[in-house]
Amino acid sequence: MRFIGTCYRAHDPRWAFKPISGDGAAIRGARFNPKGVPALYLGLSVMTAVKEANQGFAHRIDPCVLCSYEIDCEDIADLTTEQGREEFSVAKGDMACAWATALAEGSRPASWSIHDRLSARGIAGLLVPSFAPGAEAEDRNLVLWQWGADLPHKVAVFDPSGRLPKDQLSWR
């Protein structure tokens, strides 16, 4: 499917100078990307992005930079429905696995197999339910493995006033 729309992300301020890098997710891996694979995790709403950054701590969040992104990406697998999961042979249990626990125990999370199978088929990313604590049925994420400044996987951070820092020296 083609995804066109606005998405959001709550960044660690240390990474605000690279809002579309995906480097942070590549350091240890995350739910849908193995270690060493950059990924861009975006919420379809501001509140979903905050829930993802917050991970269940209702009244305490670390400082963050909230950005919006304009997205126009082809090759997206919609895994938000049973029909979509069947089309791509994805089990909801694999998507919802305790990936961080698996990593802490030295195991490979089941959700990484989704990346392996779908990226090999040329899939650029996933539309998935949010599995963050407190997520509701309408909370959705767009996870990208392929993106850039141009079509067919175009991602642009919205920063018309140039407020985002250009490098880490901005945070001294």
C-alpha atoms as a PDB file:
ATOM      1  CA  MET A   1       0.000   0.000   0.000  1.00  0.00           C
ATOM      2  CA  ARG A   2       0.963   3.636  -0.308  1.00  0.00           C
ATOM      3  CA  PHE A   3       0.921   5.708   2.882  1.00  0.00           C
ATOM      4  CA  ILE A   4       0.442   9.460   2.508  1.00  0.00           C
ATOM      5  CA  GLY A   5      -0.022  11.550   5.620  1.00  0.00           C
ATOM      6  CA  THR A   6       1.415  13.303   8.623  1.00  0.00           C
ATOM      7  CA  CYS A   7       3.118  11.337  11.391  1.00  0.00           C
ATOM      8  CA  TYR A   8       4.779  12.308  14.672  1.00  0.00           C
ATOM      9  CA  ARG A   9       7.758  11.344  16.760  1.00  0.00           C
ATOM     10  CA  ALA A  10       8.935  12.306  20.234  1.00  0.00           C
ATOM     11  CA  HIS A  11      12.746  12.392  20.078  1.00  0.00           C
ATOM     12  CA  ASP A  12      15.407  12.178  22.669  1.00  0.00           C
ATOM     13  CA  PRO A  13      16.797  15.748  22.430  1.00  0.00           C
ATOM     14  CA  ARG A  14      20.277  14.313  21.798  1.00  0.00           C
ATOM     15  CA  TRP A  15      19.011  13.022  18.415  1.00  0.00           C
ATOM     16  CA  ALA A  16      16.958  16.097  17.425  1.00  0.00           C
ATOM     17  CA  PHE A  17      19.684  17.185  15.001  1.00  0.00           C
ATOM     18  CA  LYS A  18      19.095  13.932  13.037  1.00  0.00           C
ATOM     19  CA  PRO A  19      15.301  13.627  13.076  1.00  0.00           C
ATOM     20  CA  ILE A  20      15.127  11.211  10.131  1.00  0.00           C
ATOM     21  CA  SER A  21      18.260   9.126  10.701  1.00  0.00           C
ATOM     22  CA  GLY A  22      16.885   5.983  12.374  1.00  0.00           C
ATOM     23  CA  ASP A  23      20.329   5.572  13.954  1.00  0.00           C
ATOM     24  CA  GLY A  24      18.981   5.400  17.498  1.00  0.00           C
ATOM     25  CA  ALA A  25      16.830   2.358  16.684  1.00  0.00           C
ATOM     26  CA  ALA A  26      19.799   0.651  15.019  1.00  0.00           C
ATOM     27  CA  ILE A  27      21.991   0.782  18.147  1.00  0.00           C
ATOM     28  CA  ARG A  28      20.272  -2.075  20.005  1.00  0.00           C
ATOM     29  CA  GLY A  29      17.413  -2.882  17.665  1.00  0.00           C
ATOM     30  CA  ALA A  30      13.774  -2.364  18.560  1.00  0.00           C
ATOM     31  CA  ARG A  31      10.452  -4.115  18.088  1.00  0.00           C
ATOM     32  CA  PHE A  32      10.557  -4.274  14.272  1.00  0.00           C
ATOM     33  CA  ASN A  33      14.244  -3.808  13.436  1.00  0.00           C
ATOM     34  CA  PRO A  34      17.209  -6.004  14.329  1.00  0.00           C
ATOM     35  CA  LYS A  35      20.366  -4.481  15.782  1.00  0.00           C
ATOM     36  CA  GLY A  36      22.297  -2.648  13.084  1.00  0.00           C
ATOM     37  CA  VAL A  37      19.212  -1.923  10.964  1.00  0.00           C
ATOM     38  CA  PRO A  38      18.110   1.716  11.026  1.00  0.00           C
ATOM     39  CA  ALA A  39      14.370   2.227  11.442  1.00  0.00           C
ATOM     40  CA  LEU A  40      12.128   5.245  11.758  1.00  0.00           C
ATOM     41  CA  TYR A  41       9.276   4.750  14.254  1.00  0.00           C
ATOM     42  CA  LEU A  42       6.450   7.258  13.805  1.00  0.00           C
ATOM     43  CA  GLY A  43       3.063   7.632  15.490  1.00  0.00           C
ATOM     44  CA  LEU A  44       0.000   8.441  13.403  1.00  0.00           C
ATOM     45  CA  SER A  45      -1.111  10.844  16.128  1.00  0.00           C
ATOM     46  CA  VAL A  46       0.650  13.133  18.566  1.00  0.00           C
ATOM     47  CA  MET A  47      -0.699  11.145  21.507  1.00  0.00           C
ATOM     48  CA  THR A  48       0.526   7.854  20.054  1.00  0.00           C
ATOM     49  CA  ALA A  49       4.006   9.338  19.640  1.00  0.00           C
ATOM     50  CA  VAL A  50       3.935  10.487  23.279  1.00  0.00           C
ATOM     51  CA  LYS A  51       2.728   7.060  24.473  1.00  0.00           C
ATOM     52  CA  GLU A  52       5.551   5.400  22.529  1.00  0.00           C
ATOM     53  CA  ALA A  53       8.167   7.736  24.022  1.00  0.00           C
ATOM     54  CA  ASN A  54       6.626   7.522  27.482  1.00  0.00           C
ATOM     55  CA  GLN A  55       6.273   3.710  27.603  1.00  0.00           C
ATOM     56  CA  GLY A  56       3.626   3.717  30.313  1.00  0.00           C
ATOM     57  CA  PHE A  57       4.868   6.289  32.803  1.00  0.00           C
ATOM     58  CA  ALA A  58       1.667   8.323  32.887  1.00  0.00           C
ATOM     59  CA  HIS A  59       2.839  11.420  34.754  1.00  0.00           C
ATOM     60  CA  ARG A  60       6.593  11.348  34.196  1.00  0.00           C
ATOM     61  CA  ILE A  61       8.291  11.660  30.850  1.00  0.00           C
ATOM     62  CA  ASP A  62      11.836  12.518  29.959  1.00  0.00           C
ATOM     63  CA  PRO A  63      12.339  15.750  28.041  1.00  0.00           C
ATOM     64  CA  CYS A  64      11.713  15.236  24.360  1.00  0.00           C
ATOM     65  CA  VAL A  65      11.445  17.081  21.062  1.00  0.00           C
ATOM     66  CA  LEU A  66       8.148  16.462  19.283  1.00  0.00           C
ATOM     67  CA  CYS A  67       8.353  16.619  15.477  1.00  0.00           C
ATOM     68  CA  SER A  68       5.895  16.093  12.672  1.00  0.00           C
ATOM     69  CA  TYR A  69       6.733  14.450   9.356  1.00  0.00           C
ATOM     70  CA  GLU A  70       5.183  14.529   5.918  1.00  0.00           C
ATOM     71  CA  ILE A  71       5.169  10.995   4.526  1.00  0.00           C
ATOM     72  CA  ASP A  72       4.602   9.650   1.004  1.00  0.00           C
ATOM     73  CA  CYS A  73       5.783   6.031   0.993  1.00  0.00           C
ATOM     74  CA  GLU A  74       5.065   3.087  -1.271  1.00  0.00           C
ATOM     75  CA  ASP A  75       5.608  -0.550  -0.324  1.00  0.00           C
ATOM     76  CA  ILE A  76       4.013  -0.387   3.142  1.00  0.00           C
ATOM     77  CA  ALA A  77       2.523  -3.560   4.663  1.00  0.00           C
ATOM     78  CA  ASP A  78      -0.672  -2.773   6.584  1.00  0.00           C
ATOM     79  CA  LEU A  79      -0.641  -5.134   9.558  1.00  0.00           C
ATOM     80  CA  THR A  80      -3.411  -3.367  11.467  1.00  0.00           C
ATOM     81  CA  THR A  81      -6.077  -5.820  10.269  1.00  0.00           C
ATOM     82  CA  GLU A  82      -6.439  -9.593  10.309  1.00  0.00           C
ATOM     83  CA  GLN A  83      -6.655  -9.516   6.503  1.00  0.00           C
ATOM     84  CA  GLY A  84      -3.370  -7.598   6.248  1.00  0.00           C
ATOM     85  CA  ARG A  85      -1.614  -9.943   8.662  1.00  0.00           C
ATOM     86  CA  GLU A  86      -2.866 -12.959   6.705  1.00  0.00           C
ATOM     87  CA  GLU A  87      -1.677 -11.433   3.414  1.00  0.00           C
ATOM     88  CA  PHE A  88       1.857 -11.133   4.806  1.00  0.00           C
ATOM     89  CA  SER A  89       1.751 -14.271   7.007  1.00  0.00           C
ATOM     90  CA  VAL A  90       2.308 -12.310  10.212  1.00  0.00           C
ATOM     91  CA  ALA A  91       1.040 -13.527  13.577  1.00  0.00           C
ATOM     92  CA  LYS A  92      -0.226 -10.842  15.937  1.00  0.00           C
ATOM     93  CA  GLY A  93       1.619 -12.633  18.765  1.00  0.00           C
ATOM     94  CA  ASP A  94       4.927 -12.137  16.950  1.00  0.00           C
ATOM     95  CA  MET A  95       4.152  -8.433  16.532  1.00  0.00           C
ATOM     96  CA  ALA A  96       3.219  -8.070  20.215  1.00  0.00           C
ATOM     97  CA  CYS A  97       6.136 -10.115  21.595  1.00  0.00           C
ATOM     98  CA  ALA A  98       8.105  -8.912  24.614  1.00  0.00           C
ATOM     99  CA  TRP A  99      11.016  -7.857  22.394  1.00  0.00           C
ATOM    100  CA  ALA A 100      12.926  -5.940  25.079  1.00  0.00           C
ATOM    101  CA  THR A 101      12.734  -8.903  27.454  1.00  0.00           C
ATOM    102  CA  ALA A 102      13.984 -11.233  24.727  1.00  0.00           C
ATOM    103  CA  LEU A 103      16.966  -8.946  24.102  1.00  0.00           C
ATOM    104  CA  ALA A 104      17.725  -8.713  27.829  1.00  0.00           C
ATOM    105  CA  GLU A 105      17.718 -12.524  27.982  1.00  0.00           C
ATOM    106  CA  GLY A 106      20.044 -12.780  24.975  1.00  0.00           C
ATOM    107  CA  SER A 107      17.332 -14.078  22.634  1.00  0.00           C
ATOM    108  CA  ARG A 108      16.257 -12.846  19.214  1.00  0.00           C
ATOM    109  CA  PRO A 109      12.758 -11.295  19.399  1.00  0.00           C
ATOM    110  CA  ALA A 110      10.072 -13.016  17.306  1.00  0.00           C
ATOM    111  CA  SER A 111       9.130  -9.622  15.838  1.00  0.00           C
ATOM    112  CA  TRP A 112      12.510  -9.385  14.090  1.00  0.00           C
ATOM    113  CA  SER A 113      11.460 -12.240  11.811  1.00  0.00           C
ATOM    114  CA  ILE A 114       8.773  -9.905  10.444  1.00  0.00           C
ATOM    115  CA  HIS A 115      11.506  -7.509   9.331  1.00  0.00           C
ATOM    116  CA  ASP A 116      13.562 -10.314   7.842  1.00  0.00           C
ATOM    117  CA  ARG A 117      10.728 -11.778   5.753  1.00  0.00           C
ATOM    118  CA  LEU A 118       9.096  -8.548   4.621  1.00  0.00           C
ATOM    119  CA  SER A 119      12.209  -6.489   3.880  1.00  0.00           C
ATOM    120  CA  ALA A 120      13.441  -9.393   1.716  1.00  0.00           C
ATOM    121  CA  ARG A 121      10.210  -8.973  -0.283  1.00  0.00           C
ATOM    122  CA  GLY A 122      10.918  -5.270  -0.895  1.00  0.00           C
ATOM    123  CA  ILE A 123       8.579  -3.974   1.809  1.00  0.00           C
ATOM    124  CA  ALA A 124       9.761  -0.535   2.952  1.00  0.00           C
ATOM    125  CA  GLY A 125       7.861  -0.470   6.231  1.00  0.00           C
ATOM    126  CA  LEU A 126       4.852  -1.398   8.312  1.00  0.00           C
ATOM    127  CA  LEU A 127       1.622   0.145   9.472  1.00  0.00           C
ATOM    128  CA  VAL A 128       1.056  -1.508  12.854  1.00  0.00           C
ATOM    129  CA  PRO A 129      -0.938  -1.155  16.050  1.00  0.00           C
ATOM    130  CA  SER A 130       0.892   0.494  18.915  1.00  0.00           C
ATOM    131  CA  PHE A 131       1.971  -1.911  21.620  1.00  0.00           C
ATOM    132  CA  ALA A 132       3.022   0.836  24.048  1.00  0.00           C
ATOM    133  CA  PRO A 133       1.548   0.603  27.552  1.00  0.00           C
ATOM    134  CA  GLY A 134      -1.737   2.490  27.582  1.00  0.00           C
ATOM    135  CA  ALA A 135      -2.183   2.240  23.807  1.00  0.00           C
ATOM    136  CA  GLU A 136      -5.774   2.088  22.637  1.00  0.00           C
ATOM    137  CA  ALA A 137      -7.248   0.379  19.570  1.00  0.00           C
ATOM    138  CA  GLU A 138      -6.902   3.506  17.409  1.00  0.00           C
ATOM    139  CA  ASP A 139      -3.213   4.036  18.234  1.00  0.00           C
ATOM    140  CA  ARG A 140      -1.136   3.197  15.161  1.00  0.00           C
ATOM    141  CA  ASN A 141       2.520   3.453  14.149  1.00  0.00           C
ATOM    142  CA  LEU A 142       4.338   3.648  10.857  1.00  0.00           C
ATOM    143  CA  VAL A 143       7.697   1.860  11.005  1.00  0.00           C
ATOM    144  CA  LEU A 144      10.038   2.480   8.080  1.00  0.00           C
ATOM    145  CA  TRP A 145      13.120   0.537   7.006  1.00  0.00           C
ATOM    146  CA  GLN A 146      13.566   2.418   3.731  1.00  0.00           C
ATOM    147  CA  TRP A 147      13.080   6.148   3.452  1.00  0.00           C
ATOM    148  CA  GLY A 148      14.715   9.235   2.052  1.00  0.00           C
ATOM    149  CA  ALA A 149      14.116  12.678   0.623  1.00  0.00           C
ATOM    150  CA  ASP A 150      12.544  11.406  -2.593  1.00  0.00           C
ATOM    151  CA  LEU A 151       9.736   9.173  -3.818  1.00  0.00           C
ATOM    152  CA  PRO A 152       8.845   6.352  -3.621  1.00  0.00           C
ATOM    153  CA  HIS A 153       9.787   6.420   0.098  1.00  0.00           C
ATOM    154  CA  LYS A 154       9.676  10.124   0.876  1.00  0.00           C
ATOM    155  CA  VAL A 155       9.949  11.412   4.439  1.00  0.00           C
ATOM    156  CA  ALA A 156      10.387  15.086   5.339  1.00  0.00           C
ATOM    157  CA  VAL A 157      10.497  16.549   8.822  1.00  0.00           C
ATOM    158  CA  PHE A 158       8.324  19.653   9.157  1.00  0.00           C
ATOM    159  CA  ASP A 159      10.641  22.471  10.300  1.00  0.00           C
ATOM    160  CA  PRO A 160       9.699  25.613   8.339  1.00  0.00           C
ATOM    161  CA  SER A 161      11.422  27.966  10.810  1.00  0.00           C
ATOM    162  CA  GLY A 162      14.658  25.961  11.016  1.00  0.00           C
ATOM    163  CA  ARG A 163      14.339  25.416  14.772  1.00  0.00           C
ATOM    164  CA  LEU A 164      15.855  21.939  14.859  1.00  0.00           C
ATOM    165  CA  PRO A 165      19.551  21.902  15.735  1.00  0.00           C
ATOM    166  CA  LYS A 166      22.076  21.206  12.972  1.00  0.00           C
ATOM    167  CA  ASP A 167      24.469  19.174  15.165  1.00  0.00           C
ATOM    168  CA  GLN A 168      25.001  18.032  18.759  1.00  0.00           C
ATOM    169  CA  LEU A 169      26.952  21.181  19.597  1.00  0.00           C
ATOM    170  CA  SER A 170      23.612  22.982  19.728  1.00  0.00           C
ATOM    171  CA  TRP A 171      22.880  21.204  23.032  1.00  0.00           C
ATOM    172  CA  ARG A 172      25.889  22.312  25.028  1.00  0.00           C
END
